[in-house]
Each structure stands twice: as C-alpha cells, then as structure tokens.
Amino acid sequence: MSAPDERDLLLRLLATQRTALRNALLGLTEDQARATPSASELSLSALVKHVTQGERANVAGRIGRRPHALESDPQAGWMAGFTVAADETVEVLLDRQAEVARETEEVVRAERDLDRVVDVPDGVARWLPADTVVTVRWLLLHQVEEQARHAGHADVIRESIDGKGAWQLEAEAQGIAAPTWR
C-alpha cells in the first residue's frame, strides 16, 4: 500500500471533516437540528449549510471556475448561508453536502496545478492577511480548516442537545461500540 498523494490526502481530510458534521446530525429531529442550545446563534443545520456553500464557492467556483451563489455579492451570499429556509430539511442539506463533495472531487482531480494562483473578490480578499497569495492548494487547505472549525463547533452544539460527542456519534455511524472514556 502506498502513501496517498497530496490531492488524495486533501480530499480525505475534507471527507473526514464532512463526516463529522454529518454525524453531528445523526438521529436528530428537524427541530433539534435547527435548535441553538449553546451561546452560539448557529444550529447544526446552519453549520452544514454554511460550510457546504463555502466549499462550493471556493472549490467549484473559484478553483473550477463554475458559477456559484456567492459570485455576485459575496457578503450577502455568505450571510444567507447561515439562514436555513423552511424547505431545507436535514435530508436536503446532507444531499447538497454530498453533491458538493462529488463536485469537489471532480474539480480537484481535474486541476492540473495546485500552485495556480486563484482570483478572489476584493470583498473576500479583505479578510485575508495582506500578503496572502491564494492558490488552489491554499483554498483546499482553507476548506479543511473551515470544515474542521465547524465540525468542532457542531460537536459543542450536539453535546448541548443530548450529550453525544463526536467519537460516540462516529461509533454509532459505523455501527460499532462507542468508546467508554467517561
């Protein structure tokens, strides 16, 4: 068995963090998925919507040069990503997440140069350190960072709902015995 190449590794890391977010919704009702039980104003549904929207904009949009929702007004689009519409059920959000994951895989596999510089709108660039050179690699690493940040956020929210943490939820998702660290 050989070590994964950089693309495989980046895609695996993204998949692992997506799975953690998906698992945070495991077994919850729609009301629980939309609940905001912690000091945060975000729900688990809103987190999944937000990171999925960001992944699509950065990977399919900026790397793959495909049209995306944040193109015309990045700030308004970004803010809308935190609001879950009535028809955006957990099933809809997770289906969208899976669709974006497939699109990410396709774009990353087709990209010839991870060092290619990617244009970002001024409204996005202003949030980055002044000397940031945004490359394909940088955007993919940023997606890993964003997914991981919000997977941790989702863990806190889920624990606030029913006390279940990431490792217990991963075990349930795999159908294996949960760790007994407590």
N, C-alpha and C. Protein backbone atom coordinates (compact mmCIF):
# COMPACT_ATOMS: atom_id res chain seq x y z
N MET A 1 0.85 -1.18 0.00
CA MET A 1 0.00 0.00 0.00
C MET A 1 0.89 1.24 0.00
N SER A 2 0.63 2.14 -0.91
CA SER A 2 1.45 3.35 -1.00
C SER A 2 0.77 4.51 -0.28
N ALA A 3 1.57 5.47 0.09
CA ALA A 3 1.05 6.66 0.76
C ALA A 3 0.22 7.47 -0.24
N PRO A 4 -0.83 8.13 0.26
CA PRO A 4 -1.65 8.93 -0.65
C PRO A 4 -0.86 10.14 -1.17
N ASP A 5 -1.18 10.55 -2.40
CA ASP A 5 -0.55 11.77 -2.88
C ASP A 5 -1.27 12.97 -2.25
N GLU A 6 -0.78 14.15 -2.52
CA GLU A 6 -1.30 15.35 -1.87
C GLU A 6 -2.79 15.55 -2.14
N ARG A 7 -3.23 15.35 -3.36
CA ARG A 7 -4.65 15.51 -3.69
C ARG A 7 -5.51 14.54 -2.89
N ASP A 8 -5.08 13.27 -2.88
CA ASP A 8 -5.82 12.26 -2.13
C ASP A 8 -5.90 12.63 -0.65
N LEU A 9 -4.78 13.09 -0.12
CA LEU A 9 -4.74 13.46 1.29
C LEU A 9 -5.69 14.63 1.58
N LEU A 10 -5.65 15.66 0.76
CA LEU A 10 -6.55 16.80 0.96
C LEU A 10 -8.01 16.37 0.86
N LEU A 11 -8.32 15.55 -0.12
CA LEU A 11 -9.71 15.07 -0.29
C LEU A 11 -10.13 14.19 0.89
N ARG A 12 -9.22 13.36 1.39
CA ARG A 12 -9.54 12.52 2.55
C ARG A 12 -9.79 13.36 3.80
N LEU A 13 -8.95 14.39 4.00
CA LEU A 13 -9.14 15.26 5.16
C LEU A 13 -10.47 16.00 5.08
N LEU A 14 -10.82 16.49 3.90
CA LEU A 14 -12.13 17.13 3.73
C LEU A 14 -13.26 16.15 4.02
N ALA A 15 -13.14 14.94 3.50
CA ALA A 15 -14.18 13.93 3.71
C ALA A 15 -14.35 13.59 5.19
N THR A 16 -13.24 13.50 5.90
CA THR A 16 -13.30 13.19 7.34
C THR A 16 -14.06 14.27 8.10
N GLN A 17 -13.78 15.53 7.77
CA GLN A 17 -14.46 16.63 8.47
C GLN A 17 -15.94 16.72 8.06
N ARG A 18 -16.24 16.47 6.79
CA ARG A 18 -17.65 16.43 6.36
C ARG A 18 -18.41 15.36 7.12
N THR A 19 -17.76 14.21 7.29
CA THR A 19 -18.39 13.11 8.02
C THR A 19 -18.69 13.51 9.45
N ALA A 20 -17.78 14.22 10.09
CA ALA A 20 -18.02 14.68 11.46
C ALA A 20 -19.24 15.59 11.51
N LEU A 21 -19.37 16.49 10.55
CA LEU A 21 -20.55 17.36 10.50
C LEU A 21 -21.82 16.55 10.26
N ARG A 22 -21.73 15.61 9.32
CA ARG A 22 -22.89 14.75 9.02
C ARG A 22 -23.29 13.97 10.27
N ASN A 23 -22.30 13.41 10.95
CA ASN A 23 -22.58 12.63 12.15
C ASN A 23 -23.24 13.45 13.25
N ALA A 24 -22.91 14.73 13.32
CA ALA A 24 -23.50 15.58 14.36
C ALA A 24 -25.02 15.65 14.23
N LEU A 25 -25.54 15.37 13.06
CA LEU A 25 -26.99 15.39 12.82
C LEU A 25 -27.64 14.02 13.00
N LEU A 26 -26.84 13.00 13.22
CA LEU A 26 -27.31 11.62 13.31
C LEU A 26 -28.40 11.45 14.38
N GLY A 27 -29.56 11.00 13.95
CA GLY A 27 -30.64 10.68 14.88
C GLY A 27 -31.41 11.86 15.44
N LEU A 28 -31.14 13.06 14.97
CA LEU A 28 -31.84 14.23 15.48
C LEU A 28 -33.13 14.49 14.70
N THR A 29 -34.07 15.12 15.37
CA THR A 29 -35.28 15.57 14.69
C THR A 29 -34.96 16.87 13.95
N GLU A 30 -35.85 17.29 13.09
CA GLU A 30 -35.66 18.57 12.39
C GLU A 30 -35.56 19.72 13.40
N ASP A 31 -36.40 19.68 14.42
CA ASP A 31 -36.36 20.74 15.44
C ASP A 31 -35.02 20.76 16.17
N GLN A 32 -34.50 19.60 16.50
CA GLN A 32 -33.19 19.54 17.18
C GLN A 32 -32.08 20.04 16.26
N ALA A 33 -32.15 19.69 14.98
CA ALA A 33 -31.13 20.12 14.02
C ALA A 33 -31.14 21.63 13.83
N ARG A 34 -32.28 22.26 14.07
CA ARG A 34 -32.40 23.71 13.92
C ARG A 34 -32.24 24.45 15.26
N ALA A 35 -32.11 23.70 16.34
CA ALA A 35 -32.00 24.29 17.67
C ALA A 35 -30.68 25.03 17.85
N THR A 36 -30.69 26.03 18.72
CA THR A 36 -29.48 26.78 19.08
C THR A 36 -29.32 26.71 20.60
N PRO A 37 -28.90 25.54 21.11
CA PRO A 37 -28.86 25.31 22.55
C PRO A 37 -27.64 25.88 23.27
N SER A 38 -26.69 26.38 22.54
CA SER A 38 -25.48 26.91 23.17
C SER A 38 -25.48 28.44 23.03
N ALA A 39 -24.39 29.05 23.44
CA ALA A 39 -24.29 30.50 23.33
C ALA A 39 -24.26 30.96 21.87
N SER A 40 -23.93 30.06 20.97
CA SER A 40 -23.89 30.38 19.54
C SER A 40 -25.30 30.59 19.00
N GLU A 41 -25.39 31.44 17.99
CA GLU A 41 -26.67 31.64 17.30
C GLU A 41 -26.88 30.62 16.18
N LEU A 42 -25.91 29.74 15.99
CA LEU A 42 -25.97 28.78 14.88
C LEU A 42 -26.51 27.44 15.33
N SER A 43 -27.23 26.82 14.41
CA SER A 43 -27.72 25.46 14.61
C SER A 43 -26.84 24.51 13.81
N LEU A 44 -27.04 23.22 14.03
CA LEU A 44 -26.31 22.22 13.24
C LEU A 44 -26.69 22.33 11.76
N SER A 45 -27.97 22.54 11.48
CA SER A 45 -28.39 22.70 10.08
C SER A 45 -27.71 23.90 9.43
N ALA A 46 -27.63 25.00 10.16
CA ALA A 46 -26.99 26.21 9.62
C ALA A 46 -25.50 25.98 9.37
N LEU A 47 -24.83 25.24 10.25
CA LEU A 47 -23.41 24.95 10.04
C LEU A 47 -23.19 24.13 8.78
N VAL A 48 -24.01 23.11 8.58
CA VAL A 48 -23.86 22.29 7.37
C VAL A 48 -24.12 23.12 6.13
N LYS A 49 -25.16 23.96 6.18
CA LYS A 49 -25.46 24.81 5.03
C LYS A 49 -24.29 25.76 4.74
N HIS A 50 -23.77 26.38 5.78
CA HIS A 50 -22.68 27.34 5.63
C HIS A 50 -21.42 26.70 5.03
N VAL A 51 -20.96 25.59 5.59
CA VAL A 51 -19.72 25.01 5.07
C VAL A 51 -19.90 24.43 3.67
N THR A 52 -21.10 23.93 3.39
CA THR A 52 -21.37 23.41 2.05
C THR A 52 -21.34 24.53 1.04
N GLN A 53 -21.96 25.63 1.38
CA GLN A 53 -21.97 26.80 0.50
C GLN A 53 -20.55 27.33 0.28
N GLY A 54 -19.77 27.40 1.34
CA GLY A 54 -18.39 27.87 1.23
C GLY A 54 -17.53 26.95 0.38
N GLU A 55 -17.72 25.65 0.56
CA GLU A 55 -16.96 24.68 -0.23
C GLU A 55 -17.30 24.83 -1.72
N ARG A 56 -18.58 24.94 -2.02
CA ARG A 56 -18.98 25.08 -3.43
C ARG A 56 -18.39 26.36 -4.03
N ALA A 57 -18.46 27.46 -3.29
CA ALA A 57 -17.94 28.74 -3.81
C ALA A 57 -16.44 28.66 -4.04
N ASN A 58 -15.72 28.10 -3.09
CA ASN A 58 -14.26 28.07 -3.20
C ASN A 58 -13.74 27.01 -4.17
N VAL A 59 -14.30 25.84 -4.12
CA VAL A 59 -13.75 24.77 -4.95
C VAL A 59 -14.36 24.79 -6.35
N ALA A 60 -15.66 24.61 -6.46
CA ALA A 60 -16.28 24.60 -7.80
C ALA A 60 -16.20 25.99 -8.42
N GLY A 61 -16.46 27.01 -7.60
CA GLY A 61 -16.49 28.37 -8.13
C GLY A 61 -15.12 28.94 -8.44
N ARG A 62 -14.31 29.09 -7.42
CA ARG A 62 -13.03 29.77 -7.62
C ARG A 62 -11.98 28.87 -8.26
N ILE A 63 -11.89 27.62 -7.83
CA ILE A 63 -10.90 26.72 -8.45
C ILE A 63 -11.41 26.20 -9.79
N GLY A 64 -12.64 25.71 -9.81
CA GLY A 64 -13.19 25.13 -11.03
C GLY A 64 -13.78 26.11 -12.00
N ARG A 65 -13.84 27.38 -11.57
CA ARG A 65 -14.36 28.47 -12.43
C ARG A 65 -15.78 28.22 -12.90
N ARG A 66 -16.60 27.64 -11.99
CA ARG A 66 -18.00 27.39 -12.29
C ARG A 66 -18.84 28.46 -11.59
N PRO A 67 -20.01 28.79 -12.14
CA PRO A 67 -20.88 29.77 -11.48
C PRO A 67 -21.29 29.27 -10.08
N HIS A 68 -21.44 30.20 -9.15
CA HIS A 68 -21.86 29.84 -7.80
C HIS A 68 -22.61 31.00 -7.17
N ALA A 69 -23.33 30.71 -6.10
CA ALA A 69 -24.23 31.67 -5.46
C ALA A 69 -23.53 32.90 -4.89
N LEU A 70 -22.28 32.79 -4.49
CA LEU A 70 -21.60 33.90 -3.83
C LEU A 70 -20.94 34.86 -4.82
N GLU A 71 -21.05 34.55 -6.10
CA GLU A 71 -20.33 35.30 -7.12
C GLU A 71 -20.72 36.78 -7.19
N SER A 72 -22.01 37.06 -7.25
CA SER A 72 -22.44 38.44 -7.48
C SER A 72 -22.28 39.32 -6.25
N ASP A 73 -22.58 38.80 -5.07
CA ASP A 73 -22.47 39.58 -3.84
C ASP A 73 -21.96 38.66 -2.73
N PRO A 74 -20.64 38.51 -2.61
CA PRO A 74 -20.09 37.55 -1.64
C PRO A 74 -20.57 37.78 -0.21
N GLN A 75 -20.66 39.03 0.22
CA GLN A 75 -21.07 39.30 1.60
C GLN A 75 -22.52 38.87 1.86
N ALA A 76 -23.42 39.25 0.98
CA ALA A 76 -24.84 38.88 1.14
C ALA A 76 -25.01 37.37 1.05
N GLY A 77 -24.32 36.76 0.10
CA GLY A 77 -24.40 35.32 -0.05
C GLY A 77 -23.86 34.59 1.17
N TRP A 78 -22.76 35.09 1.70
CA TRP A 78 -22.17 34.48 2.90
C TRP A 78 -23.15 34.55 4.06
N MET A 79 -23.77 35.70 4.26
CA MET A 79 -24.73 35.86 5.36
C MET A 79 -25.94 34.94 5.18
N ALA A 80 -26.42 34.81 3.93
CA ALA A 80 -27.57 33.95 3.66
C ALA A 80 -27.24 32.49 3.96
N GLY A 81 -25.97 32.14 3.91
CA GLY A 81 -25.56 30.78 4.19
C GLY A 81 -25.79 30.34 5.62
N PHE A 82 -26.08 31.26 6.50
CA PHE A 82 -26.35 30.93 7.90
C PHE A 82 -27.84 30.80 8.20
N THR A 83 -28.68 31.11 7.22
CA THR A 83 -30.12 31.06 7.41
C THR A 83 -30.69 29.83 6.71
N VAL A 84 -31.33 28.98 7.47
CA VAL A 84 -31.88 27.75 6.93
C VAL A 84 -33.35 27.98 6.60
N ALA A 85 -33.70 27.82 5.34
CA ALA A 85 -35.09 28.01 4.89
C ALA A 85 -35.95 26.85 5.37
N ALA A 86 -37.24 27.07 5.40
CA ALA A 86 -38.19 26.06 5.88
C ALA A 86 -38.08 24.75 5.09
N ASP A 87 -37.80 24.84 3.80
CA ASP A 87 -37.73 23.63 2.97
C ASP A 87 -36.34 22.99 2.96
N GLU A 88 -35.41 23.54 3.71
CA GLU A 88 -34.06 22.97 3.78
C GLU A 88 -33.99 22.03 4.98
N THR A 89 -34.51 20.83 4.77
CA THR A 89 -34.51 19.81 5.81
C THR A 89 -33.11 19.24 5.96
N VAL A 90 -32.92 18.45 6.99
CA VAL A 90 -31.64 17.77 7.18
C VAL A 90 -31.32 16.94 5.94
N GLU A 91 -32.30 16.22 5.44
CA GLU A 91 -32.07 15.40 4.24
C GLU A 91 -31.62 16.25 3.06
N VAL A 92 -32.27 17.38 2.84
CA VAL A 92 -31.91 18.28 1.75
C VAL A 92 -30.49 18.80 1.94
N LEU A 93 -30.16 19.23 3.14
CA LEU A 93 -28.83 19.78 3.41
C LEU A 93 -27.74 18.73 3.25
N LEU A 94 -28.00 17.51 3.71
CA LEU A 94 -27.00 16.45 3.58
C LEU A 94 -26.86 15.97 2.13
N ASP A 95 -27.96 15.98 1.40
CA ASP A 95 -27.88 15.65 -0.03
C ASP A 95 -27.05 16.70 -0.76
N ARG A 96 -27.26 17.97 -0.41
CA ARG A 96 -26.48 19.06 -1.02
C ARG A 96 -25.00 18.92 -0.65
N GLN A 97 -24.74 18.58 0.60
CA GLN A 97 -23.35 18.37 1.04
C GLN A 97 -22.70 17.27 0.22
N ALA A 98 -23.41 16.16 -0.01
CA ALA A 98 -22.87 15.04 -0.79
C ALA A 98 -22.65 15.45 -2.25
N GLU A 99 -23.56 16.24 -2.79
CA GLU A 99 -23.41 16.73 -4.17
C GLU A 99 -22.17 17.60 -4.30
N VAL A 100 -21.98 18.49 -3.35
CA VAL A 100 -20.80 19.37 -3.36
C VAL A 100 -19.53 18.56 -3.16
N ALA A 101 -19.57 17.53 -2.34
CA ALA A 101 -18.40 16.67 -2.15
C ALA A 101 -18.00 16.00 -3.46
N ARG A 102 -18.99 15.52 -4.20
CA ARG A 102 -18.70 14.90 -5.51
C ARG A 102 -18.12 15.94 -6.48
N GLU A 103 -18.69 17.14 -6.45
CA GLU A 103 -18.20 18.22 -7.31
C GLU A 103 -16.76 18.59 -6.93
N THR A 104 -16.47 18.65 -5.65
CA THR A 104 -15.11 18.95 -5.17
C THR A 104 -14.14 17.90 -5.68
N GLU A 105 -14.50 16.66 -5.54
CA GLU A 105 -13.64 15.56 -6.01
C GLU A 105 -13.34 15.73 -7.50
N GLU A 106 -14.35 16.02 -8.26
CA GLU A 106 -14.20 16.19 -9.71
C GLU A 106 -13.27 17.36 -10.04
N VAL A 107 -13.49 18.50 -9.39
CA VAL A 107 -12.69 19.69 -9.65
C VAL A 107 -11.23 19.47 -9.24
N VAL A 108 -11.02 18.90 -8.07
CA VAL A 108 -9.66 18.70 -7.57
C VAL A 108 -8.91 17.70 -8.45
N ARG A 109 -9.57 16.65 -8.86
CA ARG A 109 -8.91 15.66 -9.73
C ARG A 109 -8.56 16.27 -11.09
N ALA A 110 -9.39 17.20 -11.57
CA ALA A 110 -9.15 17.81 -12.89
C ALA A 110 -8.12 18.94 -12.85
N GLU A 111 -7.89 19.50 -11.68
CA GLU A 111 -6.96 20.63 -11.55
C GLU A 111 -5.54 20.16 -11.81
N ARG A 112 -4.87 20.85 -12.71
CA ARG A 112 -3.51 20.43 -13.10
C ARG A 112 -2.44 20.95 -12.16
N ASP A 113 -2.70 22.11 -11.51
CA ASP A 113 -1.62 22.77 -10.77
C ASP A 113 -2.12 23.30 -9.43
N LEU A 114 -1.72 22.66 -8.35
CA LEU A 114 -2.13 23.11 -7.03
C LEU A 114 -1.51 24.45 -6.65
N ASP A 115 -0.49 24.88 -7.39
CA ASP A 115 0.15 26.16 -7.14
C ASP A 115 -0.44 27.29 -7.99
N ARG A 116 -1.44 27.00 -8.79
CA ARG A 116 -2.07 28.04 -9.62
C ARG A 116 -2.69 29.10 -8.72
N VAL A 117 -2.42 30.36 -9.02
CA VAL A 117 -3.00 31.47 -8.26
C VAL A 117 -4.46 31.63 -8.67
N VAL A 118 -5.31 31.80 -7.66
CA VAL A 118 -6.75 31.90 -7.87
C VAL A 118 -7.20 33.31 -7.50
N ASP A 119 -7.98 33.91 -8.36
CA ASP A 119 -8.53 35.24 -8.07
C ASP A 119 -9.64 35.13 -7.03
N VAL A 120 -9.62 36.04 -6.09
CA VAL A 120 -10.72 36.14 -5.13
C VAL A 120 -11.21 37.58 -5.15
N PRO A 121 -12.52 37.78 -4.99
CA PRO A 121 -13.06 39.13 -4.99
C PRO A 121 -12.48 39.98 -3.86
N ASP A 122 -12.46 41.28 -4.05
CA ASP A 122 -11.94 42.19 -3.02
C ASP A 122 -12.68 42.00 -1.70
N GLY A 123 -13.99 41.75 -1.77
CA GLY A 123 -14.78 41.56 -0.56
C GLY A 123 -14.38 40.34 0.24
N VAL A 124 -13.74 39.40 -0.41
CA VAL A 124 -13.22 38.20 0.27
C VAL A 124 -11.77 38.46 0.67
N ALA A 125 -10.98 39.00 -0.25
CA ALA A 125 -9.55 39.23 0.00
C ALA A 125 -9.32 40.13 1.20
N ARG A 126 -10.24 41.04 1.47
CA ARG A 126 -10.04 41.96 2.59
C ARG A 126 -9.99 41.26 3.95
N TRP A 127 -10.50 40.03 4.03
CA TRP A 127 -10.47 39.27 5.27
C TRP A 127 -9.19 38.47 5.43
N LEU A 128 -8.36 38.46 4.41
CA LEU A 128 -7.12 37.68 4.44
C LEU A 128 -5.94 38.57 4.80
N PRO A 129 -4.89 37.99 5.39
CA PRO A 129 -3.69 38.79 5.62
C PRO A 129 -3.21 39.41 4.30
N ALA A 130 -2.69 40.61 4.36
CA ALA A 130 -2.33 41.38 3.16
C ALA A 130 -1.39 40.64 2.22
N ASP A 131 -0.53 39.80 2.73
CA ASP A 131 0.45 39.13 1.87
C ASP A 131 0.00 37.74 1.39
N THR A 132 -1.27 37.41 1.55
CA THR A 132 -1.76 36.10 1.17
C THR A 132 -1.82 35.94 -0.35
N VAL A 133 -1.17 34.90 -0.83
CA VAL A 133 -1.28 34.52 -2.23
C VAL A 133 -2.22 33.31 -2.25
N VAL A 134 -3.39 33.50 -2.81
CA VAL A 134 -4.40 32.44 -2.80
C VAL A 134 -4.16 31.53 -4.00
N THR A 135 -3.74 30.31 -3.68
CA THR A 135 -3.52 29.29 -4.70
C THR A 135 -4.59 28.22 -4.55
N VAL A 136 -4.62 27.30 -5.48
CA VAL A 136 -5.54 26.16 -5.38
C VAL A 136 -5.26 25.43 -4.07
N ARG A 137 -4.00 25.17 -3.78
CA ARG A 137 -3.63 24.47 -2.54
C ARG A 137 -4.11 25.24 -1.32
N TRP A 138 -3.90 26.55 -1.31
CA TRP A 138 -4.32 27.38 -0.19
C TRP A 138 -5.83 27.26 0.02
N LEU A 139 -6.60 27.33 -1.07
CA LEU A 139 -8.06 27.23 -0.94
C LEU A 139 -8.50 25.85 -0.42
N LEU A 140 -7.82 24.81 -0.87
CA LEU A 140 -8.17 23.47 -0.38
C LEU A 140 -7.82 23.32 1.10
N LEU A 141 -6.66 23.82 1.49
CA LEU A 141 -6.30 23.78 2.91
C LEU A 141 -7.26 24.63 3.74
N HIS A 142 -7.68 25.75 3.18
CA HIS A 142 -8.66 26.59 3.87
C HIS A 142 -9.98 25.85 4.05
N GLN A 143 -10.36 25.05 3.05
CA GLN A 143 -11.59 24.26 3.18
C GLN A 143 -11.46 23.23 4.29
N VAL A 144 -10.30 22.60 4.40
CA VAL A 144 -10.07 21.67 5.51
C VAL A 144 -10.19 22.42 6.83
N GLU A 145 -9.57 23.59 6.91
CA GLU A 145 -9.62 24.42 8.12
C GLU A 145 -11.07 24.78 8.47
N GLU A 146 -11.83 25.23 7.49
CA GLU A 146 -13.23 25.62 7.73
C GLU A 146 -14.08 24.43 8.17
N GLN A 147 -13.92 23.31 7.47
CA GLN A 147 -14.69 22.12 7.84
C GLN A 147 -14.34 21.69 9.26
N ALA A 148 -13.06 21.70 9.61
CA ALA A 148 -12.63 21.28 10.94
C ALA A 148 -13.13 22.25 12.02
N ARG A 149 -13.03 23.54 11.74
CA ARG A 149 -13.52 24.54 12.69
C ARG A 149 -14.99 24.30 13.00
N HIS A 150 -15.77 24.13 11.95
CA HIS A 150 -17.21 23.99 12.15
C HIS A 150 -17.62 22.59 12.60
N ALA A 151 -16.80 21.58 12.34
CA ALA A 151 -17.06 20.25 12.90
C ALA A 151 -16.91 20.31 14.43
N GLY A 152 -15.91 21.05 14.89
CA GLY A 152 -15.76 21.25 16.34
C GLY A 152 -16.91 22.04 16.92
N HIS A 153 -17.32 23.06 16.21
CA HIS A 153 -18.47 23.85 16.61
C HIS A 153 -19.71 22.95 16.70
N ALA A 154 -19.89 22.10 15.70
CA ALA A 154 -21.04 21.18 15.67
C ALA A 154 -20.99 20.22 16.85
N ASP A 155 -19.79 19.80 17.23
CA ASP A 155 -19.64 18.89 18.36
C ASP A 155 -20.16 19.55 19.64
N VAL A 156 -19.81 20.81 19.85
CA VAL A 156 -20.28 21.53 21.04
C VAL A 156 -21.81 21.66 21.01
N ILE A 157 -22.35 22.02 19.87
CA ILE A 157 -23.81 22.16 19.76
C ILE A 157 -24.49 20.83 20.03
N ARG A 158 -23.99 19.75 19.41
CA ARG A 158 -24.61 18.44 19.59
C ARG A 158 -24.54 18.01 21.05
N GLU A 159 -23.40 18.21 21.69
CA GLU A 159 -23.28 17.85 23.10
C GLU A 159 -24.27 18.65 23.95
N SER A 160 -24.57 19.88 23.54
CA SER A 160 -25.55 20.70 24.26
C SER A 160 -26.97 20.18 24.07
N ILE A 161 -27.22 19.48 23.00
CA ILE A 161 -28.56 18.94 22.73
C ILE A 161 -28.80 17.67 23.53
N ASP A 162 -27.87 16.69 23.42
CA ASP A 162 -28.14 15.40 24.08
C ASP A 162 -26.92 14.75 24.72
N GLY A 163 -25.81 15.49 24.78
CA GLY A 163 -24.62 14.96 25.43
C GLY A 163 -23.76 14.06 24.57
N LYS A 164 -24.18 13.78 23.34
CA LYS A 164 -23.39 12.90 22.48
C LYS A 164 -22.27 13.69 21.82
N GLY A 165 -21.05 13.12 21.91
CA GLY A 165 -19.88 13.75 21.31
C GLY A 165 -19.48 13.08 20.01
N ALA A 166 -18.48 13.64 19.37
CA ALA A 166 -18.05 13.20 18.05
C ALA A 166 -17.68 11.73 18.00
N TRP A 167 -16.93 11.22 19.00
CA TRP A 167 -16.50 9.82 18.94
C TRP A 167 -17.67 8.87 19.10
N GLN A 168 -18.60 9.21 19.97
CA GLN A 168 -19.79 8.37 20.14
C GLN A 168 -20.62 8.35 18.86
N LEU A 169 -20.78 9.51 18.24
CA LEU A 169 -21.55 9.60 17.00
C LEU A 169 -20.86 8.86 15.85
N GLU A 170 -19.53 8.94 15.80
CA GLU A 170 -18.79 8.20 14.77
C GLU A 170 -18.98 6.70 14.96
N ALA A 171 -18.92 6.25 16.21
CA ALA A 171 -19.14 4.84 16.50
C ALA A 171 -20.55 4.41 16.08
N GLU A 172 -21.55 5.23 16.41
CA GLU A 172 -22.92 4.92 16.00
C GLU A 172 -23.05 4.86 14.48
N ALA A 173 -22.43 5.80 13.80
CA ALA A 173 -22.50 5.83 12.34
C ALA A 173 -21.88 4.57 11.74
N GLN A 174 -20.84 4.06 12.38
CA GLN A 174 -20.16 2.85 11.90
C GLN A 174 -20.78 1.56 12.44
N GLY A 175 -21.72 1.71 13.37
CA GLY A 175 -22.36 0.54 13.95
C GLY A 175 -21.45 -0.26 14.86
N ILE A 176 -20.55 0.44 15.55
CA ILE A 176 -19.63 -0.23 16.48
C ILE A 176 -19.85 0.31 17.88
N ALA A 177 -19.28 -0.35 18.86
CA ALA A 177 -19.43 0.08 20.24
C ALA A 177 -18.73 1.42 20.44
N ALA A 178 -19.40 2.31 21.13
CA ALA A 178 -18.83 3.63 21.41
C ALA A 178 -17.73 3.51 22.46
N PRO A 179 -16.73 4.38 22.40
CA PRO A 179 -15.68 4.36 23.43
C PRO A 179 -16.28 4.70 24.80
N THR A 180 -15.69 4.15 25.83
CA THR A 180 -16.18 4.39 27.19
C THR A 180 -15.10 5.11 27.98
N TRP A 181 -14.88 6.37 27.64
CA TRP A 181 -13.82 7.14 28.27
C TRP A 181 -14.28 7.87 29.52
N ARG A 182 -15.53 7.88 29.78
CA ARG A 182 -16.04 8.63 30.94
C ARG A 182 -16.07 7.79 32.17
